[in-house]
Amino acid sequence: MVKAMRKVIYLRDQSNFKRYINSLLEEVDFTPIVNLVPNEIKSITFVIPGMPAFSGGHTSILRLGTELSKRGYDVGYVSFAPQNIEDMKKNAEINLSNYKGKILGDDITKVKSDIVIATSWESVYYSRKMSGYKMYFIQDYEPYFNLYGESYIMAQKSYEVGYHMVSLGKWNKHMIEKECRINSELDYITFPYEGKEYFAQERNFDSYNNKKEFNFAVYIKDVGKRAPYLIQYLLTKLKNDFSKEGITLNIKYYGEDKNFKCEGGENIGKLNKSELLNLYNTSDFGLVASLTNISLVPYEMLATGLPVIEFKEGTFEYFFPDNTAIVTTFDYNDFYKQVKEAINNPNKLKEMNKNSMKYLSELSWEKTTDEFVGILDRISSRKGE
């Protein structure tokens, strides 16, 4: 979310970054708020760091907002970062074509709402002055996006100023309780996925142990939490070693701008949903490094029946049951061994596919939004406090 916000406001040089920091510091206040319960909850406004296209975090915000809108709430999205409202609307359509709720532009001073929902650590400080009960939709533990220093501390402190926090999944909640001194409510909702867009196709896992060519779909982002250089190293070495055994690996990286140079394969850039579905359906393995809170990507891959490779050093096992993916380490010997074992053991792939499909069938944005609405109902029950 931080990186997306910086792209929106074009922090391309030091002078722009200094202006951004100075503007942010004018809003930073670590004093705990007094969070007043509204008399009723009709309007809900998400405070976002702009609306870039192809953003998984923004797509999740739009999905939650859309489901809340379907339940009768008046939902809006307002940016604290400068961005043209027409660009915001266009990018929202790219992220979620049937989204509901109103794009409100980038002037948060004009917005009044019963519930104000911050969606990134910066948005906490910008939204403090807005009227309404303050909530914080947490999709990742954002201090880890920074080296230890002032940005790390400001991100960490955002969890300590009294907002009613709702974590997407248990991992963020665990980290906040472990690392922060919180003085407000901290709930979590189940991490969901949208099953209507990514669906399984028939896969011939029995053919894997005789194949001489494999296609890898690899999610890559130039941020540390995605381990972009470690995974390139592992895959390039794997490709070279497999080549010596007469096996060809076709590696397609996606998710980052095409000008990001990748070793061992082709960077095909940022893809829309139909392009993603085609990539997953024409691949034999998917690889994702989820070092902090998990993203939608492994859910989408598994939903198409694509065997997923994840890492023990990350959080995948915090969200999925055992034996739903190839969970290896960053040690190359282990990485090679587990990929080779999966190729040579089709029954292992079949079992993972069966387990992951069963788990995914239990998830939906509708169910997750029901959990969020349950939190809103609890808030409403305290009106007058």
Protein backbone atom coordinates (compact mmCIF):
# COMPACT_ATOMS: atom_id res chain seq x y z
CA MET A 1 0.00 0.00 0.00
CA VAL A 2 2.83 2.41 0.80
CA LYS A 3 4.51 1.79 -2.55
CA ALA A 4 1.22 2.23 -4.39
CA MET A 5 0.59 5.54 -2.67
CA ARG A 6 4.04 6.78 -3.61
CA LYS A 7 3.43 5.88 -7.24
CA VAL A 8 0.19 7.82 -7.21
CA ILE A 9 1.80 11.03 -6.00
CA TYR A 10 4.85 10.58 -8.23
CA LEU A 11 7.64 10.48 -5.69
CA ARG A 12 10.32 10.21 -8.35
CA ASP A 13 13.05 12.40 -6.86
CA GLN A 14 14.35 13.63 -3.54
CA SER A 15 12.58 17.01 -3.67
CA ASN A 16 9.20 15.36 -4.22
CA PHE A 17 9.89 12.89 -1.40
CA LYS A 18 10.84 15.73 0.94
CA ARG A 19 7.58 17.53 0.16
CA TYR A 20 5.68 14.31 0.83
CA ILE A 21 7.42 13.78 4.18
CA ASN A 22 6.86 17.39 5.24
CA SER A 23 3.18 17.16 4.33
CA LEU A 24 2.80 13.88 6.21
CA LEU A 25 4.59 15.17 9.32
CA GLU A 26 2.10 18.03 9.54
CA GLU A 27 -0.59 15.38 10.08
CA VAL A 28 1.28 12.94 12.34
CA ASP A 29 -0.07 12.85 15.88
CA PHE A 30 0.57 9.96 18.24
CA THR A 31 -1.97 11.12 20.84
CA PRO A 32 -4.69 8.46 21.31
CA ILE A 33 -8.05 9.52 19.93
CA VAL A 34 -11.43 9.48 21.66
CA ASN A 35 -13.44 7.20 19.42
CA LEU A 36 -17.11 8.13 19.70
CA VAL A 37 -19.73 5.58 18.68
CA PRO A 38 -22.20 7.07 16.15
CA ASN A 39 -25.94 7.12 16.81
CA GLU A 40 -26.42 5.04 13.67
CA ILE A 41 -24.25 3.53 10.95
CA LYS A 42 -25.42 4.38 7.46
CA SER A 43 -22.35 5.85 5.73
CA ILE A 44 -18.90 4.26 5.50
CA THR A 45 -15.87 5.94 3.91
CA PHE A 46 -12.59 4.21 3.08
CA VAL A 47 -9.57 6.55 3.22
CA ILE A 48 -7.13 5.30 0.58
CA PRO A 49 -3.67 6.21 -0.79
CA GLY A 50 -4.97 7.00 -4.25
CA MET A 51 -6.41 4.41 -6.62
CA PRO A 52 -3.68 2.79 -8.75
CA ALA A 53 -4.60 0.11 -11.28
CA PHE A 54 -3.66 -3.56 -10.83
CA SER A 55 -3.39 -3.22 -7.05
CA GLY A 56 -4.43 -6.26 -5.03
CA GLY A 57 -4.76 -4.23 -1.83
CA HIS A 58 -7.06 -1.70 -3.48
CA THR A 59 -9.05 -4.51 -5.08
CA SER A 60 -9.69 -5.99 -1.63
CA ILE A 61 -10.86 -2.58 -0.37
CA LEU A 62 -13.21 -2.33 -3.34
CA ARG A 63 -14.53 -5.84 -2.73
CA LEU A 64 -15.27 -5.13 0.92
CA GLY A 65 -16.82 -1.78 0.03
CA THR A 66 -18.92 -3.38 -2.70
CA GLU A 67 -20.28 -6.07 -0.38
CA LEU A 68 -21.07 -3.45 2.27
CA SER A 69 -22.84 -1.38 -0.37
CA LYS A 70 -24.96 -4.42 -1.32
CA ARG A 71 -26.03 -4.59 2.32
CA GLY A 72 -27.40 -1.07 2.18
CA TYR A 73 -24.52 1.04 3.49
CA ASP A 74 -23.63 4.30 1.73
CA VAL A 75 -20.01 3.54 0.78
CA GLY A 76 -17.40 5.99 -0.46
CA TYR A 77 -13.67 6.02 -1.25
CA VAL A 78 -11.63 9.17 -0.66
CA SER A 79 -7.90 9.63 -1.26
CA PHE A 80 -5.51 11.58 0.94
CA ALA A 81 -2.99 11.56 -1.94
CA PRO A 82 -3.54 13.88 -4.92
CA GLN A 83 -5.09 12.12 -7.89
CA ASN A 84 -7.51 13.08 -10.63
CA ILE A 85 -10.97 11.69 -9.84
CA GLU A 86 -11.46 10.38 -13.39
CA ASP A 87 -8.20 8.44 -13.13
CA MET A 88 -9.39 7.03 -9.82
CA LYS A 89 -12.65 5.86 -11.37
CA LYS A 90 -10.89 4.34 -14.39
CA ASN A 91 -8.41 2.47 -12.20
CA ALA A 92 -11.15 1.27 -9.87
CA GLU A 93 -12.90 -0.25 -12.90
CA ILE A 94 -9.67 -2.02 -13.85
CA ASN A 95 -9.29 -3.41 -10.31
CA LEU A 96 -12.94 -4.45 -9.97
CA SER A 97 -15.21 -3.88 -12.94
CA ASN A 98 -18.47 -4.14 -11.00
CA TYR A 99 -17.42 -2.25 -7.89
CA LYS A 100 -20.06 -0.37 -5.90
CA GLY A 101 -19.68 2.80 -3.87
CA LYS A 102 -18.75 6.33 -4.85
CA ILE A 103 -15.28 7.60 -5.71
CA LEU A 104 -15.11 10.86 -3.75
CA GLY A 105 -11.86 12.34 -5.04
CA ASP A 106 -8.92 13.54 -2.99
CA ASP A 107 -10.31 16.16 -0.60
CA ILE A 108 -10.92 14.41 2.72
CA THR A 109 -11.96 17.70 4.36
CA LYS A 110 -15.25 17.60 2.46
CA VAL A 111 -16.24 14.12 3.59
CA LYS A 112 -18.53 13.35 6.51
CA SER A 113 -19.25 9.77 7.42
CA ASP A 114 -20.58 7.65 10.29
CA ILE A 115 -17.64 5.25 9.91
CA VAL A 116 -14.19 6.34 8.66
CA ILE A 117 -11.91 3.44 7.68
CA ALA A 118 -8.17 4.00 7.32
CA THR A 119 -6.49 1.54 4.97
CA SER A 120 -2.76 2.28 5.37
CA TRP A 121 -0.59 3.70 8.12
CA GLU A 122 -0.39 7.14 6.48
CA SER A 123 -4.16 7.26 6.10
CA VAL A 124 -4.53 6.91 9.88
CA TYR A 125 -2.84 10.26 10.43
CA TYR A 126 -4.65 11.99 7.56
CA SER A 127 -8.06 10.69 8.66
CA ARG A 128 -7.78 11.69 12.34
CA LYS A 129 -9.50 15.03 11.72
CA MET A 130 -12.44 13.50 9.86
CA SER A 131 -15.72 13.13 11.69
CA GLY A 132 -16.94 9.61 12.36
CA TYR A 133 -16.05 6.47 14.27
CA LYS A 134 -12.49 5.55 13.32
CA MET A 135 -11.67 2.07 12.06
CA TYR A 136 -8.52 0.65 10.48
CA PHE A 137 -8.69 -2.07 7.81
CA ILE A 138 -5.27 -3.77 8.05
CA GLN A 139 -4.06 -5.85 5.12
CA ASP A 140 -0.42 -6.17 6.18
CA TYR A 141 1.97 -5.37 9.02
CA GLU A 142 3.32 -2.22 7.40
CA PRO A 143 6.29 -1.45 9.67
CA TYR A 144 8.01 -4.34 7.89
CA PHE A 145 7.83 -2.37 4.64
CA ASN A 146 10.57 -0.08 5.98
CA LEU A 147 14.04 -0.32 7.43
CA TYR A 148 14.01 0.42 11.14
CA GLY A 149 13.76 4.18 11.41
CA GLU A 150 11.23 6.99 11.37
CA SER A 151 8.87 5.45 8.79
CA TYR A 152 8.96 2.13 10.66
CA ILE A 153 8.09 3.90 13.91
CA MET A 154 5.30 6.00 12.38
CA ALA A 155 3.79 2.87 10.84
CA GLN A 156 4.02 1.00 14.14
CA LYS A 157 2.53 3.91 16.09
CA SER A 158 -0.47 3.96 13.74
CA TYR A 159 -1.71 0.83 15.56
CA GLU A 160 -1.50 2.58 18.92
CA VAL A 161 -3.61 5.72 18.42
CA GLY A 162 -6.97 4.21 19.30
CA TYR A 163 -8.58 3.20 16.01
CA HIS A 164 -10.84 0.14 16.05
CA MET A 165 -8.66 -2.24 14.05
CA VAL A 166 -9.84 -5.06 11.78
CA SER A 167 -7.15 -7.34 10.37
CA LEU A 168 -7.57 -9.26 7.14
CA GLY A 169 -6.53 -12.63 8.52
CA LYS A 170 -4.97 -13.55 11.86
CA TRP A 171 -1.32 -12.84 11.08
CA ASN A 172 -1.52 -9.04 11.26
CA LYS A 173 -3.41 -9.32 14.54
CA HIS A 174 -0.70 -11.60 15.89
CA MET A 175 2.07 -9.18 14.88
CA ILE A 176 0.32 -6.10 16.30
CA GLU A 177 -0.34 -7.81 19.61
CA LYS A 178 3.27 -8.98 19.71
CA GLU A 179 5.00 -5.75 18.67
CA CYS A 180 2.71 -2.88 19.74
CA ARG A 181 1.16 -1.39 22.86
CA ILE A 182 -2.44 -1.22 21.73
CA ASN A 183 -5.26 0.50 23.59
CA SER A 184 -8.21 -0.21 21.33
CA GLU A 185 -10.19 -3.09 19.86
CA LEU A 186 -8.45 -5.43 17.45
CA ASP A 187 -10.62 -7.87 15.48
CA TYR A 188 -9.90 -10.00 12.45
CA ILE A 189 -11.93 -11.23 9.51
CA THR A 190 -11.23 -14.31 7.39
CA PHE A 191 -9.00 -13.81 4.36
CA PRO A 192 -11.31 -14.60 1.38
CA TYR A 193 -10.99 -14.96 -2.35
CA GLU A 194 -13.39 -14.43 -5.24
CA GLY A 195 -14.27 -17.80 -6.72
CA LYS A 196 -16.34 -16.43 -9.60
CA GLU A 197 -13.30 -15.16 -11.50
CA TYR A 198 -10.77 -17.93 -11.01
CA PHE A 199 -12.00 -21.46 -11.44
CA ALA A 200 -10.45 -24.89 -11.84
CA GLN A 201 -9.64 -26.56 -15.12
CA GLU A 202 -8.88 -30.22 -15.64
CA ARG A 203 -5.18 -30.90 -15.13
CA ASN A 204 -3.26 -34.03 -16.00
CA PHE A 205 -0.93 -34.36 -13.04
CA ASP A 206 -0.06 -37.92 -14.11
CA SER A 207 1.82 -36.48 -17.08
CA TYR A 208 4.23 -34.48 -14.91
CA ASN A 209 6.74 -37.26 -14.29
CA ASN A 210 7.18 -37.78 -18.05
CA LYS A 211 7.22 -34.14 -19.14
CA LYS A 212 10.36 -32.53 -20.49
CA GLU A 213 9.05 -28.97 -20.40
CA PHE A 214 7.37 -27.04 -17.58
CA ASN A 215 5.83 -23.56 -17.46
CA PHE A 216 6.22 -21.54 -14.27
CA ALA A 217 4.01 -18.52 -13.43
CA VAL A 218 5.97 -16.43 -10.93
CA TYR A 219 4.54 -13.44 -9.08
CA ILE A 220 7.24 -10.81 -8.66
CA LYS A 221 7.27 -7.34 -7.14
CA ASP A 222 10.28 -5.15 -6.52
CA VAL A 223 9.67 -5.05 -2.77
CA GLY A 224 11.47 -7.03 -0.09
CA LYS A 225 8.37 -8.83 1.17
CA ARG A 226 8.17 -10.60 -2.23
CA ALA A 227 11.85 -11.71 -2.16
CA PRO A 228 12.29 -10.74 -5.84
CA TYR A 229 16.02 -11.44 -6.01
CA LEU A 230 16.02 -14.62 -3.94
CA ILE A 231 13.34 -16.20 -6.11
CA GLN A 232 15.16 -15.19 -9.31
CA TYR A 233 18.32 -16.82 -7.96
CA LEU A 234 16.51 -20.02 -7.01
CA LEU A 235 14.64 -20.28 -10.32
CA THR A 236 17.67 -19.49 -12.48
CA LYS A 237 19.72 -22.15 -10.71
CA LEU A 238 16.81 -24.62 -10.96
CA LYS A 239 16.44 -23.88 -14.66
CA ASN A 240 20.13 -24.52 -15.27
CA ASP A 241 20.17 -27.75 -13.26
CA PHE A 242 17.00 -29.05 -14.92
CA SER A 243 18.46 -28.21 -18.32
CA LYS A 244 21.36 -30.57 -17.58
CA GLU A 245 18.75 -33.28 -16.97
CA GLY A 246 17.02 -32.63 -20.29
CA ILE A 247 14.13 -30.64 -18.76
CA THR A 248 13.22 -27.15 -19.99
CA LEU A 249 11.75 -24.54 -17.63
CA ASN A 250 9.83 -21.64 -19.16
CA ILE A 251 9.63 -18.99 -16.46
CA LYS A 252 7.18 -16.11 -16.80
CA TYR A 253 7.40 -13.37 -14.19
CA TYR A 254 4.43 -11.06 -13.79
CA GLY A 255 3.11 -8.37 -11.46
CA GLU A 256 5.80 -5.74 -11.93
CA ASP A 257 6.46 -3.17 -14.67
CA LYS A 258 8.10 -4.67 -17.74
CA ASN A 259 11.18 -2.49 -17.30
CA PHE A 260 12.05 -4.53 -14.19
CA LYS A 261 14.75 -6.87 -15.46
CA CYS A 262 14.38 -10.52 -14.44
CA GLU A 263 16.92 -13.33 -14.59
CA GLY A 264 16.15 -16.77 -15.92
CA GLY A 265 12.85 -15.90 -17.58
CA GLU A 266 10.59 -13.33 -19.20
CA ASN A 267 8.89 -10.45 -17.38
CA ILE A 268 5.43 -10.20 -18.98
CA GLY A 269 4.37 -7.24 -16.82
CA LYS A 270 1.09 -6.47 -15.12
CA LEU A 271 -1.87 -8.55 -16.25
CA ASN A 272 -5.62 -8.09 -16.17
CA LYS A 273 -7.88 -10.83 -14.83
CA SER A 274 -8.45 -12.61 -18.14
CA GLU A 275 -4.71 -12.58 -18.85
CA LEU A 276 -4.02 -13.96 -15.37
CA LEU A 277 -6.52 -16.77 -15.85
CA ASN A 278 -4.89 -17.69 -19.15
CA LEU A 279 -1.43 -17.64 -17.55
CA TYR A 280 -2.53 -19.90 -14.71
CA ASN A 281 -4.29 -22.31 -17.07
CA THR A 282 -1.23 -22.65 -19.31
CA SER A 283 1.25 -23.08 -16.44
CA ASP A 284 2.36 -26.18 -14.56
CA PHE A 285 3.51 -24.48 -11.34
CA GLY A 286 2.91 -21.12 -9.69
CA LEU A 287 5.40 -19.51 -7.33
CA VAL A 288 4.73 -16.78 -4.78
CA ALA A 289 6.83 -15.49 -1.89
CA SER A 290 4.44 -14.29 0.82
CA LEU A 291 6.86 -13.09 3.49
CA THR A 292 4.36 -10.83 5.28
CA ASN A 293 0.57 -11.02 5.16
CA ILE A 294 -0.57 -13.27 2.35
CA SER A 295 -2.01 -11.82 -0.87
CA LEU A 296 -4.79 -12.96 -3.17
CA VAL A 297 -2.29 -14.44 -5.62
CA PRO A 298 -1.82 -17.94 -4.12
CA TYR A 299 -5.60 -18.17 -3.62
CA GLU A 300 -6.19 -17.37 -7.29
CA MET A 301 -3.55 -19.83 -8.46
CA LEU A 302 -4.88 -22.65 -6.30
CA ALA A 303 -8.44 -21.90 -7.42
CA THR A 304 -7.43 -22.76 -10.99
CA GLY A 305 -5.85 -26.02 -9.84
CA LEU A 306 -2.32 -24.68 -10.35
CA PRO A 307 0.17 -26.27 -7.91
CA VAL A 308 1.70 -23.48 -5.81
CA ILE A 309 5.23 -23.17 -4.45
CA GLU A 310 5.50 -21.05 -1.29
CA PHE A 311 8.11 -20.60 1.47
CA LYS A 312 8.34 -21.63 5.11
CA GLU A 313 9.99 -18.29 5.89
CA GLY A 314 6.70 -16.61 4.93
CA THR A 315 3.10 -16.71 6.14
CA PHE A 316 1.42 -19.20 3.80
CA GLU A 317 1.12 -21.84 6.50
CA TYR A 318 -0.59 -19.26 8.74
CA PHE A 319 -3.54 -19.16 6.31
CA PHE A 320 -3.78 -22.56 4.63
CA PRO A 321 -4.09 -26.09 6.02
CA ASP A 322 -1.26 -28.58 5.67
CA ASN A 323 -0.58 -30.23 2.32
CA THR A 324 -2.20 -27.61 0.12
CA ALA A 325 1.01 -26.37 -1.55
CA ILE A 326 4.70 -27.13 -1.96
CA VAL A 327 6.12 -25.23 1.01
CA THR A 328 9.89 -25.13 0.72
CA THR A 329 12.65 -23.01 2.21
CA PHE A 330 15.03 -20.54 0.61
CA ASP A 331 17.78 -23.15 0.82
CA TYR A 332 18.36 -24.20 -2.80
CA ASN A 333 18.90 -27.87 -1.98
CA ASP A 334 15.50 -28.04 -0.28
CA PHE A 335 13.90 -26.02 -3.10
CA TYR A 336 15.29 -28.36 -5.78
CA LYS A 337 14.38 -31.49 -3.81
CA GLN A 338 10.75 -30.47 -3.24
CA VAL A 339 10.09 -29.36 -6.82
CA LYS A 340 11.65 -32.57 -8.11
CA GLU A 341 9.60 -34.66 -5.67
CA ALA A 342 6.38 -32.98 -6.79
CA ILE A 343 7.17 -33.71 -10.45
CA ASN A 344 7.95 -37.34 -9.72
CA ASN A 345 4.94 -37.87 -7.46
CA PRO A 346 1.67 -36.97 -9.23
CA ASN A 347 -0.34 -38.32 -6.30
CA LYS A 348 1.21 -35.63 -4.11
CA LEU A 349 -0.04 -32.95 -6.53
CA LYS A 350 -3.49 -34.54 -6.64
CA GLU A 351 -3.75 -34.57 -2.85
CA MET A 352 -2.66 -30.94 -2.59
CA ASN A 353 -5.21 -29.98 -5.21
CA LYS A 354 -7.99 -31.85 -3.38
CA ASN A 355 -7.12 -30.24 -0.03
CA SER A 356 -6.81 -26.71 -1.39
CA MET A 357 -10.08 -26.92 -3.34
CA LYS A 358 -11.91 -28.09 -0.23
CA TYR A 359 -10.51 -25.20 1.80
CA LEU A 360 -11.22 -22.59 -0.88
CA SER A 361 -14.82 -23.78 -1.17
CA GLU A 362 -15.36 -22.57 2.39
CA LEU A 363 -14.26 -18.99 1.60
CA SER A 364 -16.04 -16.04 0.01
CA TRP A 365 -16.17 -12.27 0.21
CA GLU A 366 -19.82 -12.58 1.23
CA LYS A 367 -18.90 -14.61 4.33
CA THR A 368 -16.00 -12.32 5.19
CA THR A 369 -18.22 -9.25 4.84
CA ASP A 370 -20.77 -10.90 7.12
CA GLU A 371 -18.00 -11.04 9.73
CA PHE A 372 -17.27 -7.35 9.19
CA VAL A 373 -20.95 -6.46 9.47
CA GLY A 374 -21.03 -8.40 12.74
CA ILE A 375 -18.31 -6.07 14.02
CA LEU A 376 -20.35 -3.04 12.89
CA ASP A 377 -23.38 -4.46 14.70
CA ARG A 378 -21.35 -4.75 17.90
CA ILE A 379 -20.31 -1.12 17.52
CA SER A 380 -23.94 -0.05 17.00
CA SER A 381 -24.97 -1.91 20.15
CA ARG A 382 -22.73 0.44 22.15
CA LYS A 383 -24.26 3.70 20.90
CA GLY A 384 -24.60 6.26 23.61
CA GLU A 385 -21.31 5.26 25.26
